[in-house]
């Protein structure tokens, strides 16, 4: 496995997601607040985005997090996975996650 340091590379379903040490987050009733300590920038996520971030942290692999969220929300896993991949791309572009991919 290698860390993907190219923020604009698309996330794959088998990517292992980690939250870097310079990122902290806390969930509230209506929002999850994410802070990048390196940049000092705050990011707000709606409750679904917050749950996605929590699932990624707990499970670690996009495909597995999508399966867990699909059970929670009663939505087909392929739909959740599609949304989760786009979500990961956005988080990576902001330096809020790291993606480990299989070395080629």
PDB file of N, CA and C in Angstrom:
ATOM      1  N   UNK A   1       0.844  -1.176   0.000  1.00  0.00           N
ATOM      2  CA  UNK A   1       0.000   0.000   0.000  1.00  0.00           C
ATOM      3  C   UNK A   1       0.887   1.235   0.000  1.00  0.00           C
ATOM      4  N   UNK A   2       0.417   2.251  -0.675  1.00  0.00           N
ATOM      5  CA  UNK A   2       1.126   3.525  -0.668  1.00  0.00           C
ATOM      6  C   UNK A   2       0.104   4.633  -0.463  1.00  0.00           C
ATOM      7  N   UNK A   3       0.571   5.731   0.115  1.00  0.00           N
ATOM      8  CA  UNK A   3      -0.315   6.867   0.344  1.00  0.00           C
ATOM      9  C   UNK A   3      -0.430   7.655  -0.951  1.00  0.00           C
ATOM     10  N   UNK A   4      -1.652   7.934  -1.352  1.00  0.00           N
ATOM     11  CA  UNK A   4      -1.915   8.750  -2.540  1.00  0.00           C
ATOM     12  C   UNK A   4      -1.813  10.208  -2.129  1.00  0.00           C
ATOM     13  N   UNK A   5      -0.780  10.873  -2.593  1.00  0.00           N
ATOM     14  CA  UNK A   5      -0.591  12.284  -2.246  1.00  0.00           C
ATOM     15  C   UNK A   5      -1.088  13.202  -3.346  1.00  0.00           C
ATOM     16  N   UNK A   6      -1.745  12.656  -4.346  1.00  0.00           N
ATOM     17  CA  UNK A   6      -2.293  13.463  -5.423  1.00  0.00           C
ATOM     18  C   UNK A   6      -3.756  13.747  -5.116  1.00  0.00           C
ATOM     19  N   UNK A   7      -4.062  14.941  -4.577  1.00  0.00           N
ATOM     20  CA  UNK A   7      -5.429  15.196  -4.141  1.00  0.00           C
ATOM     21  C   UNK A   7      -6.461  15.142  -5.255  1.00  0.00           C
ATOM     22  N   UNK A   8      -6.048  15.330  -6.511  1.00  0.00           N
ATOM     23  CA  UNK A   8      -7.042  15.324  -7.580  1.00  0.00           C
ATOM     24  C   UNK A   8      -7.214  13.944  -8.214  1.00  0.00           C
ATOM     25  N   UNK A   9      -6.476  12.934  -7.760  1.00  0.00           N
ATOM     26  CA  UNK A   9      -6.677  11.574  -8.261  1.00  0.00           C
ATOM     27  C   UNK A   9      -7.983  11.041  -7.685  1.00  0.00           C
ATOM     28  N   UNK A  10      -8.802  10.394  -8.507  1.00  0.00           N
ATOM     29  CA  UNK A  10     -10.087   9.907  -7.998  1.00  0.00           C
ATOM     30  C   UNK A  10      -9.913   8.783  -6.972  1.00  0.00           C
ATOM     31  N   UNK A  11     -10.785   8.760  -6.012  1.00  0.00           N
ATOM     32  CA  UNK A  11     -10.804   7.715  -4.993  1.00  0.00           C
ATOM     33  C   UNK A  11     -11.376   6.442  -5.604  1.00  0.00           C
ATOM     34  N   UNK A  12     -10.828   5.310  -5.224  1.00  0.00           N
ATOM     35  CA  UNK A  12     -11.335   4.016  -5.693  1.00  0.00           C
ATOM     36  C   UNK A  12     -12.104   3.331  -4.566  1.00  0.00           C
ATOM     37  N   UNK A  13     -13.000   2.409  -4.892  1.00  0.00           N
ATOM     38  CA  UNK A  13     -13.774   1.720  -3.852  1.00  0.00           C
ATOM     39  C   UNK A  13     -12.910   0.944  -2.860  1.00  0.00           C
ATOM     40  N   UNK A  14     -11.741   0.488  -3.288  1.00  0.00           N
ATOM     41  CA  UNK A  14     -10.874  -0.294  -2.415  1.00  0.00           C
ATOM     42  C   UNK A  14      -9.864   0.562  -1.657  1.00  0.00           C
ATOM     43  N   UNK A  15      -9.943   1.872  -1.797  1.00  0.00           N
ATOM     44  CA  UNK A  15      -9.003   2.768  -1.112  1.00  0.00           C
ATOM     45  C   UNK A  15      -9.189   2.674   0.394  1.00  0.00           C
ATOM     46  N   UNK A  16      -8.077   2.668   1.110  1.00  0.00           N
ATOM     47  CA  UNK A  16      -8.098   2.716   2.574  1.00  0.00           C
ATOM     48  C   UNK A  16      -7.996   4.179   2.974  1.00  0.00           C
ATOM     49  N   UNK A  17      -8.959   4.636   3.735  1.00  0.00           N
ATOM     50  CA  UNK A  17      -9.049   6.035   4.130  1.00  0.00           C
ATOM     51  C   UNK A  17      -8.603   6.190   5.576  1.00  0.00           C
ATOM     52  N   UNK A  18      -7.758   7.179   5.817  1.00  0.00           N
ATOM     53  CA  UNK A  18      -7.376   7.517   7.186  1.00  0.00           C
ATOM     54  C   UNK A  18      -7.537   9.017   7.385  1.00  0.00           C
ATOM     55  N   UNK A  19      -7.768   9.374   8.628  1.00  0.00           N
ATOM     56  CA  UNK A  19      -7.861  10.784   9.003  1.00  0.00           C
ATOM     57  C   UNK A  19      -6.473  11.168   9.515  1.00  0.00           C
ATOM     58  N   UNK A  20      -5.812  12.127   8.868  1.00  0.00           N
ATOM     59  CA  UNK A  20      -4.464  12.497   9.319  1.00  0.00           C
ATOM     60  C   UNK A  20      -4.480  13.112  10.720  1.00  0.00           C
ATOM     61  N   UNK A  21      -3.336  13.086  11.378  1.00  0.00           N
ATOM     62  CA  UNK A  21      -3.241  13.618  12.733  1.00  0.00           C
ATOM     63  C   UNK A  21      -3.547  15.109  12.796  1.00  0.00           C
ATOM     64  N   UNK A  22      -3.364  15.816  11.685  1.00  0.00           N
ATOM     65  CA  UNK A  22      -3.619  17.259  11.695  1.00  0.00           C
ATOM     66  C   UNK A  22      -5.086  17.613  11.447  1.00  0.00           C
ATOM     67  N   UNK A  23      -5.950  16.598  11.452  1.00  0.00           N
ATOM     68  CA  UNK A  23      -7.380  16.821  11.240  1.00  0.00           C
ATOM     69  C   UNK A  23      -8.145  16.284  12.447  1.00  0.00           C
ATOM     70  N   UNK A  24      -9.017  17.130  12.983  1.00  0.00           N
ATOM     71  CA  UNK A  24      -9.883  16.726  14.087  1.00  0.00           C
ATOM     72  C   UNK A  24     -11.318  17.068  13.705  1.00  0.00           C
ATOM     73  N   UNK A  25     -12.259  16.278  14.244  1.00  0.00           N
ATOM     74  CA  UNK A  25     -13.657  16.592  13.973  1.00  0.00           C
ATOM     75  C   UNK A  25     -14.511  16.235  15.166  1.00  0.00           C
ATOM     76  N   UNK A  26     -15.638  16.909  15.213  1.00  0.00           N
ATOM     77  CA  UNK A  26     -16.605  16.663  16.287  1.00  0.00           C
ATOM     78  C   UNK A  26     -18.004  16.796  15.710  1.00  0.00           C
ATOM     79  N   UNK A  27     -18.832  15.830  16.057  1.00  0.00           N
ATOM     80  CA  UNK A  27     -20.207  15.820  15.561  1.00  0.00           C
ATOM     81  C   UNK A  27     -21.144  16.443  16.574  1.00  0.00           C
ATOM     82  N   UNK A  28     -22.050  17.252  16.058  1.00  0.00           N
ATOM     83  CA  UNK A  28     -23.121  17.860  16.831  1.00  0.00           C
ATOM     84  C   UNK A  28     -24.432  17.398  16.209  1.00  0.00           C
ATOM     85  N   UNK A  29     -25.554  17.806  16.753  1.00  0.00           N
ATOM     86  CA  UNK A  29     -26.850  17.346  16.269  1.00  0.00           C
ATOM     87  C   UNK A  29     -27.060  17.698  14.792  1.00  0.00           C
ATOM     88  N   UNK A  30     -26.785  18.926  14.408  1.00  0.00           N
ATOM     89  CA  UNK A  30     -27.091  19.378  13.053  1.00  0.00           C
ATOM     90  C   UNK A  30     -25.877  19.513  12.146  1.00  0.00           C
ATOM     91  N   UNK A  31     -24.678  19.239  12.674  1.00  0.00           N
ATOM     92  CA  UNK A  31     -23.485  19.476  11.870  1.00  0.00           C
ATOM     93  C   UNK A  31     -22.290  18.763  12.481  1.00  0.00           C
ATOM     94  N   UNK A  32     -21.352  18.391  11.617  1.00  0.00           N
ATOM     95  CA  UNK A  32     -20.039  17.925  12.060  1.00  0.00           C
ATOM     96  C   UNK A  32     -19.041  18.987  11.645  1.00  0.00           C
ATOM     97  N   UNK A  33     -18.228  19.414  12.587  1.00  0.00           N
ATOM     98  CA  UNK A  33     -17.217  20.428  12.328  1.00  0.00           C
ATOM     99  C   UNK A  33     -15.870  19.722  12.198  1.00  0.00           C
ATOM    100  N   UNK A  34     -15.187  19.987  11.093  1.00  0.00           N
ATOM    101  CA  UNK A  34     -13.890  19.390  10.816  1.00  0.00           C
ATOM    102  C   UNK A  34     -12.867  20.515  10.777  1.00  0.00           C
ATOM    103  N   UNK A  35     -11.765  20.355  11.494  1.00  0.00           N
ATOM    104  CA  UNK A  35     -10.716  21.372  11.540  1.00  0.00           C
ATOM    105  C   UNK A  35      -9.418  20.786  11.025  1.00  0.00           C
ATOM    106  N   UNK A  36      -8.833  21.454  10.041  1.00  0.00           N
ATOM    107  CA  UNK A  36      -7.501  21.124   9.552  1.00  0.00           C
ATOM    108  C   UNK A  36      -6.533  21.992  10.345  1.00  0.00           C
ATOM    109  N   UNK A  37      -5.814  21.401  11.284  1.00  0.00           N
ATOM    110  CA  UNK A  37      -4.915  22.150  12.154  1.00  0.00           C
ATOM    111  C   UNK A  37      -3.743  22.771  11.393  1.00  0.00           C
ATOM    112  N   UNK A  38      -3.364  22.176  10.257  1.00  0.00           N
ATOM    113  CA  UNK A  38      -2.268  22.729   9.456  1.00  0.00           C
ATOM    114  C   UNK A  38      -2.656  24.044   8.797  1.00  0.00           C
ATOM    115  N   UNK A  39      -3.903  24.141   8.353  1.00  0.00           N
ATOM    116  CA  UNK A  39      -4.341  25.349   7.646  1.00  0.00           C
ATOM    117  C   UNK A  39      -5.157  26.280   8.533  1.00  0.00           C
ATOM    118  N   UNK A  40      -5.687  25.748   9.637  1.00  0.00           N
ATOM    119  CA  UNK A  40      -6.550  26.542  10.503  1.00  0.00           C
ATOM    120  C   UNK A  40      -7.954  26.714   9.956  1.00  0.00           C
ATOM    121  N   UNK A  41      -8.289  25.974   8.913  1.00  0.00           N
ATOM    122  CA  UNK A  41      -9.609  26.103   8.288  1.00  0.00           C
ATOM    123  C   UNK A  41     -10.598  25.100   8.859  1.00  0.00           C
ATOM    124  N   UNK A  42     -11.794  25.606   9.122  1.00  0.00           N
ATOM    125  CA  UNK A  42     -12.916  24.786   9.570  1.00  0.00           C
ATOM    126  C   UNK A  42     -13.759  24.405   8.361  1.00  0.00           C
ATOM    127  N   UNK A  43     -14.350  23.220   8.428  1.00  0.00           N
ATOM    128  CA  UNK A  43     -15.246  22.749   7.383  1.00  0.00           C
ATOM    129  C   UNK A  43     -16.477  22.186   8.076  1.00  0.00           C
ATOM    130  N   UNK A  44     -17.644  22.507   7.579  1.00  0.00           N
ATOM    131  CA  UNK A  44     -18.885  22.011   8.155  1.00  0.00           C
ATOM    132  C   UNK A  44     -19.497  20.939   7.270  1.00  0.00           C
ATOM    133  N   UNK A  45     -19.940  19.856   7.885  1.00  0.00           N
ATOM    134  CA  UNK A  45     -20.611  18.778   7.164  1.00  0.00           C
ATOM    135  C   UNK A  45     -22.014  18.620   7.712  1.00  0.00           C
ATOM    136  N   UNK A  46     -22.969  18.349   6.827  1.00  0.00           N
ATOM    137  CA  UNK A  46     -24.327  18.064   7.288  1.00  0.00           C
ATOM    138  C   UNK A  46     -24.322  16.709   8.008  1.00  0.00           C
ATOM    139  N   UNK A  47     -25.427  16.337   8.646  1.00  0.00           N
ATOM    140  CA  UNK A  47     -25.432  15.075   9.409  1.00  0.00           C
ATOM    141  C   UNK A  47     -25.048  13.840   8.589  1.00  0.00           C
ATOM    142  N   UNK A  48     -25.473  13.776   7.341  1.00  0.00           N
ATOM    143  CA  UNK A  48     -25.118  12.619   6.510  1.00  0.00           C
ATOM    144  C   UNK A  48     -23.617  12.633   6.217  1.00  0.00           C
ATOM    145  N   UNK A  49     -23.062  13.786   5.889  1.00  0.00           N
ATOM    146  CA  UNK A  49     -21.622  13.894   5.656  1.00  0.00           C
ATOM    147  C   UNK A  49     -20.835  13.526   6.905  1.00  0.00           C
ATOM    148  N   UNK A  50     -21.329  13.944   8.056  1.00  0.00           N
ATOM    149  CA  UNK A  50     -20.679  13.588   9.309  1.00  0.00           C
ATOM    150  C   UNK A  50     -20.688  12.089   9.546  1.00  0.00           C
ATOM    151  N   UNK A  51     -21.823  11.455   9.236  1.00  0.00           N
ATOM    152  CA  UNK A  51     -21.920   9.997   9.400  1.00  0.00           C
ATOM    153  C   UNK A  51     -21.009   9.285   8.418  1.00  0.00           C
ATOM    154  N   UNK A  52     -20.888   9.823   7.199  1.00  0.00           N
ATOM    155  CA  UNK A  52     -19.966   9.238   6.216  1.00  0.00           C
ATOM    156  C   UNK A  52     -18.528   9.297   6.735  1.00  0.00           C
ATOM    157  N   UNK A  53     -18.139  10.441   7.277  1.00  0.00           N
ATOM    158  CA  UNK A  53     -16.784  10.596   7.804  1.00  0.00           C
ATOM    159  C   UNK A  53     -16.544   9.623   8.964  1.00  0.00           C
ATOM    160  N   UNK A  54     -17.517   9.483   9.836  1.00  0.00           N
ATOM    161  CA  UNK A  54     -17.392   8.541  10.952  1.00  0.00           C
ATOM    162  C   UNK A  54     -17.252   7.108  10.448  1.00  0.00           C
ATOM    163  N   UNK A  55     -18.049   6.735   9.450  1.00  0.00           N
ATOM    164  CA  UNK A  55     -17.970   5.380   8.897  1.00  0.00           C
ATOM    165  C   UNK A  55     -16.610   5.134   8.261  1.00  0.00           C
ATOM    166  N   UNK A  56     -16.095   6.112   7.553  1.00  0.00           N
ATOM    167  CA  UNK A  56     -14.767   5.967   6.951  1.00  0.00           C
ATOM    168  C   UNK A  56     -13.706   5.778   8.023  1.00  0.00           C
ATOM    169  N   UNK A  57     -13.814   6.529   9.105  1.00  0.00           N
ATOM    170  CA  UNK A  57     -12.841   6.404  10.189  1.00  0.00           C
ATOM    171  C   UNK A  57     -12.946   5.033  10.857  1.00  0.00           C
ATOM    172  N   UNK A  58     -14.165   4.568  11.080  1.00  0.00           N
ATOM    173  CA  UNK A  58     -14.384   3.296  11.770  1.00  0.00           C
ATOM    174  C   UNK A  58     -13.998   2.093  10.916  1.00  0.00           C
ATOM    175  N   UNK A  59     -14.391   2.103   9.652  1.00  0.00           N
ATOM    176  CA  UNK A  59     -14.228   0.943   8.785  1.00  0.00           C
ATOM    177  C   UNK A  59     -12.930   1.021   7.983  1.00  0.00           C
ATOM    178  N   UNK A  60     -12.621   2.199   7.465  1.00  0.00           N
ATOM    179  CA  UNK A  60     -11.352   2.404   6.777  1.00  0.00           C
ATOM    180  C   UNK A  60     -11.342   2.207   5.274  1.00  0.00           C
ATOM    181  N   UNK A  61     -12.166   1.327   4.737  1.00  0.00           N
ATOM    182  CA  UNK A  61     -12.176   1.066   3.299  1.00  0.00           C
ATOM    183  C   UNK A  61     -13.492   1.592   2.727  1.00  0.00           C
ATOM    184  N   UNK A  62     -13.405   2.313   1.627  1.00  0.00           N
ATOM    185  CA  UNK A  62     -14.582   2.967   1.045  1.00  0.00           C
ATOM    186  C   UNK A  62     -15.712   1.969   0.801  1.00  0.00           C
ATOM    187  N   UNK A  63     -15.412   0.869   0.161  1.00  0.00           N
ATOM    188  CA  UNK A  63     -16.456  -0.119  -0.174  1.00  0.00           C
ATOM    189  C   UNK A  63     -17.154  -0.629   1.098  1.00  0.00           C
ATOM    190  N   UNK A  64     -16.389  -0.893   2.141  1.00  0.00           N
ATOM    191  CA  UNK A  64     -16.955  -1.399   3.393  1.00  0.00           C
ATOM    192  C   UNK A  64     -17.775  -0.328   4.114  1.00  0.00           C
ATOM    193  N   UNK A  65     -17.298   0.904   4.069  1.00  0.00           N
ATOM    194  CA  UNK A  65     -18.059   2.007   4.674  1.00  0.00           C
ATOM    195  C   UNK A  65     -19.380   2.198   3.935  1.00  0.00           C
ATOM    196  N   UNK A  66     -19.361   2.072   2.614  1.00  0.00           N
ATOM    197  CA  UNK A  66     -20.590   2.198   1.824  1.00  0.00           C
ATOM    198  C   UNK A  66     -21.588   1.104   2.198  1.00  0.00           C
ATOM    199  N   UNK A  67     -21.108  -0.114   2.405  1.00  0.00           N
ATOM    200  CA  UNK A  67     -21.995  -1.219   2.786  1.00  0.00           C
ATOM    201  C   UNK A  67     -22.629  -0.946   4.147  1.00  0.00           C
ATOM    202  N   UNK A  68     -21.840  -0.436   5.076  1.00  0.00           N
ATOM    203  CA  UNK A  68     -22.366  -0.130   6.416  1.00  0.00           C
ATOM    204  C   UNK A  68     -23.416   0.978   6.332  1.00  0.00           C
ATOM    205  N   UNK A  69     -23.115   2.021   5.573  1.00  0.00           N
ATOM    206  CA  UNK A  69     -24.056   3.142   5.438  1.00  0.00           C
ATOM    207  C   UNK A  69     -25.326   2.719   4.709  1.00  0.00           C
ATOM    208  N   UNK A  70     -25.193   1.816   3.736  1.00  0.00           N
ATOM    209  CA  UNK A  70     -26.363   1.324   3.002  1.00  0.00           C
ATOM    210  C   UNK A  70     -27.321   0.619   3.958  1.00  0.00           C
ATOM    211  N   UNK A  71     -26.783  -0.152   4.898  1.00  0.00           N
ATOM    212  CA  UNK A  71     -27.628  -0.813   5.893  1.00  0.00           C
ATOM    213  C   UNK A  71     -28.308   0.214   6.791  1.00  0.00           C
ATOM    214  N   UNK A  72     -27.557   1.228   7.197  1.00  0.00           N
ATOM    215  CA  UNK A  72     -28.093   2.254   8.093  1.00  0.00           C
ATOM    216  C   UNK A  72     -29.226   3.029   7.444  1.00  0.00           C
ATOM    217  N   UNK A  73     -29.030   3.419   6.183  1.00  0.00           N
ATOM    218  CA  UNK A  73     -29.992   4.293   5.517  1.00  0.00           C
ATOM    219  C   UNK A  73     -30.981   3.565   4.609  1.00  0.00           C
ATOM    220  N   UNK A  74     -30.823   2.259   4.417  1.00  0.00           N
ATOM    221  CA  UNK A  74     -31.740   1.513   3.562  1.00  0.00           C
ATOM    222  C   UNK A  74     -31.672   1.931   2.105  1.00  0.00           C
ATOM    223  N   UNK A  75     -30.472   2.271   1.662  1.00  0.00           N
ATOM    224  CA  UNK A  75     -30.233   2.697   0.284  1.00  0.00           C
ATOM    225  C   UNK A  75     -29.300   1.678  -0.359  1.00  0.00           C
ATOM    226  N   UNK A  76     -29.455   1.392  -1.665  1.00  0.00           N
ATOM    227  CA  UNK A  76     -28.555   0.432  -2.303  1.00  0.00           C
ATOM    228  C   UNK A  76     -27.079   0.838  -2.136  1.00  0.00           C
ATOM    229  N   UNK A  77     -26.240  -0.145  -1.857  1.00  0.00           N
ATOM    230  CA  UNK A  77     -24.816   0.108  -1.596  1.00  0.00           C
ATOM    231  C   UNK A  77     -24.135   0.814  -2.760  1.00  0.00           C
ATOM    232  N   UNK A  78     -24.514   0.490  -4.012  1.00  0.00           N
ATOM    233  CA  UNK A  78     -23.845   1.131  -5.149  1.00  0.00           C
ATOM    234  C   UNK A  78     -24.129   2.634  -5.199  1.00  0.00           C
ATOM    235  N   UNK A  79     -25.309   3.047  -4.733  1.00  0.00           N
ATOM    236  CA  UNK A  79     -25.618   4.486  -4.697  1.00  0.00           C
ATOM    237  C   UNK A  79     -24.801   5.185  -3.611  1.00  0.00           C
ATOM    238  N   UNK A  80     -24.729   4.553  -2.441  1.00  0.00           N
ATOM    239  CA  UNK A  80     -23.925   5.118  -1.356  1.00  0.00           C
ATOM    240  C   UNK A  80     -22.458   5.184  -1.771  1.00  0.00           C
ATOM    241  N   UNK A  81     -21.976   4.117  -2.395  1.00  0.00           N
ATOM    242  CA  UNK A  81     -20.565   4.076  -2.807  1.00  0.00           C
ATOM    243  C   UNK A  81     -20.243   5.212  -3.775  1.00  0.00           C
ATOM    244  N   UNK A  82     -21.115   5.450  -4.732  1.00  0.00           N
ATOM    245  CA  UNK A  82     -20.912   6.539  -5.688  1.00  0.00           C
ATOM    246  C   UNK A  82     -20.795   7.877  -4.962  1.00  0.00           C
ATOM    247  N   UNK A  83     -21.714   8.126  -4.031  1.00  0.00           N
ATOM    248  CA  UNK A  83     -21.683   9.375  -3.269  1.00  0.00           C
ATOM    249  C   UNK A  83     -20.461   9.447  -2.362  1.00  0.00           C
ATOM    250  N   UNK A  84     -20.097   8.326  -1.775  1.00  0.00           N
ATOM    251  CA  UNK A  84     -18.951   8.280  -0.872  1.00  0.00           C
ATOM    252  C   UNK A  84     -17.643   8.531  -1.622  1.00  0.00           C
ATOM    253  N   UNK A  85     -17.529   8.026  -2.835  1.00  0.00           N
ATOM    254  CA  UNK A  85     -16.330   8.281  -3.643  1.00  0.00           C
ATOM    255  C   UNK A  85     -16.178   9.770  -3.936  1.00  0.00           C
ATOM    256  N   UNK A  86     -17.264  10.417  -4.310  1.00  0.00           N
ATOM    257  CA  UNK A  86     -17.223  11.863  -4.575  1.00  0.00           C
ATOM    258  C   UNK A  86     -16.895  12.628  -3.292  1.00  0.00           C
ATOM    259  N   UNK A  87     -17.467  12.199  -2.174  1.00  0.00           N
ATOM    260  CA  UNK A  87     -17.207  12.808  -0.872  1.00  0.00           C
ATOM    261  C   UNK A  87     -15.724  12.700  -0.526  1.00  0.00           C
ATOM    262  N   UNK A  88     -15.146  11.521  -0.718  1.00  0.00           N
ATOM    263  CA  UNK A  88     -13.721  11.324  -0.440  1.00  0.00           C
ATOM    264  C   UNK A  88     -12.852  12.207  -1.323  1.00  0.00           C
ATOM    265  N   UNK A  89     -13.213  12.355  -2.580  1.00  0.00           N
ATOM    266  CA  UNK A  89     -12.449  13.233  -3.476  1.00  0.00           C
ATOM    267  C   UNK A  89     -12.437  14.662  -2.936  1.00  0.00           C
ATOM    268  N   UNK A  90     -13.597  15.117  -2.453  1.00  0.00           N
ATOM    269  CA  UNK A  90     -13.686  16.474  -1.894  1.00  0.00           C
ATOM    270  C   UNK A  90     -12.849  16.612  -0.622  1.00  0.00           C
ATOM    271  N   UNK A  91     -12.942  15.629   0.260  1.00  0.00           N
ATOM    272  CA  UNK A  91     -12.168  15.672   1.498  1.00  0.00           C
ATOM    273  C   UNK A  91     -10.670  15.639   1.214  1.00  0.00           C
ATOM    274  N   UNK A  92     -10.259  14.812   0.272  1.00  0.00           N
ATOM    275  CA  UNK A  92      -8.834  14.717  -0.083  1.00  0.00           C
ATOM    276  C   UNK A  92      -8.329  16.035  -0.662  1.00  0.00           C
ATOM    277  N   UNK A  93      -9.143  16.678  -1.480  1.00  0.00           N
ATOM    278  CA  UNK A  93      -8.744  17.963  -2.073  1.00  0.00           C
ATOM    279  C   UNK A  93      -8.528  19.027  -1.002  1.00  0.00           C
ATOM    280  N   UNK A  94      -9.191  18.872   0.134  1.00  0.00           N
ATOM    281  CA  UNK A  94      -9.047  19.830   1.241  1.00  0.00           C
ATOM    282  C   UNK A  94      -8.024  19.377   2.281  1.00  0.00           C
ATOM    283  N   UNK A  95      -7.375  18.241   2.032  1.00  0.00           N
ATOM    284  CA  UNK A  95      -6.378  17.736   2.961  1.00  0.00           C
ATOM    285  C   UNK A  95      -6.958  17.154   4.232  1.00  0.00           C
ATOM    286  N   UNK A  96      -8.232  16.707   4.182  1.00  0.00           N
ATOM    287  CA  UNK A  96      -8.908  16.217   5.378  1.00  0.00           C
ATOM    288  C   UNK A  96      -8.844  14.704   5.534  1.00  0.00           C
ATOM    289  N   UNK A  97      -8.451  13.993   4.479  1.00  0.00           N
ATOM    290  CA  UNK A  97      -8.242  12.546   4.556  1.00  0.00           C
ATOM    291  C   UNK A  97      -6.995  12.205   3.771  1.00  0.00           C
ATOM    292  N   UNK A  98      -6.493  10.994   4.031  1.00  0.00           N
ATOM    293  CA  UNK A  98      -5.431  10.403   3.210  1.00  0.00           C
ATOM    294  C   UNK A  98      -5.981   9.115   2.651  1.00  0.00           C
ATOM    295  N   UNK A  99      -5.589   8.803   1.410  1.00  0.00           N
ATOM    296  CA  UNK A  99      -6.063   7.601   0.739  1.00  0.00           C
ATOM    297  C   UNK A  99      -4.865   6.706   0.452  1.00  0.00           C
ATOM    298  N   UNK A 100      -4.904   5.479   0.943  1.00  0.00           N
ATOM    299  CA  UNK A 100      -3.860   4.511   0.645  1.00  0.00           C
ATOM    300  C   UNK A 100      -4.387   3.625  -0.482  1.00  0.00           C
ATOM    301  N   UNK A 101      -3.578   3.450  -1.486  1.00  0.00           N
ATOM    302  CA  UNK A 101      -3.966   2.641  -2.633  1.00  0.00           C
ATOM    303  C   UNK A 101      -2.932   1.557  -2.845  1.00  0.00           C
ATOM    304  N   UNK A 102      -3.347   0.475  -3.475  1.00  0.00           N
ATOM    305  CA  UNK A 102      -2.412  -0.621  -3.774  1.00  0.00           C
ATOM    306  C   UNK A 102      -1.346  -0.100  -4.743  1.00  0.00           C
ATOM    307  N   UNK A 103      -0.095  -0.413  -4.446  1.00  0.00           N
ATOM    308  CA  UNK A 103       1.007   0.012  -5.314  1.00  0.00           C
ATOM    309  C   UNK A 103       0.921  -0.736  -6.638  1.00  0.00           C
ATOM    310  N   UNK A 104       1.181  -0.026  -7.720  1.00  0.00           N
ATOM    311  CA  UNK A 104       1.111  -0.655  -9.061  1.00  0.00           C
ATOM    312  C   UNK A 104       2.391  -1.363  -9.377  1.00  0.00           C
TER     313      UNK A 104
END
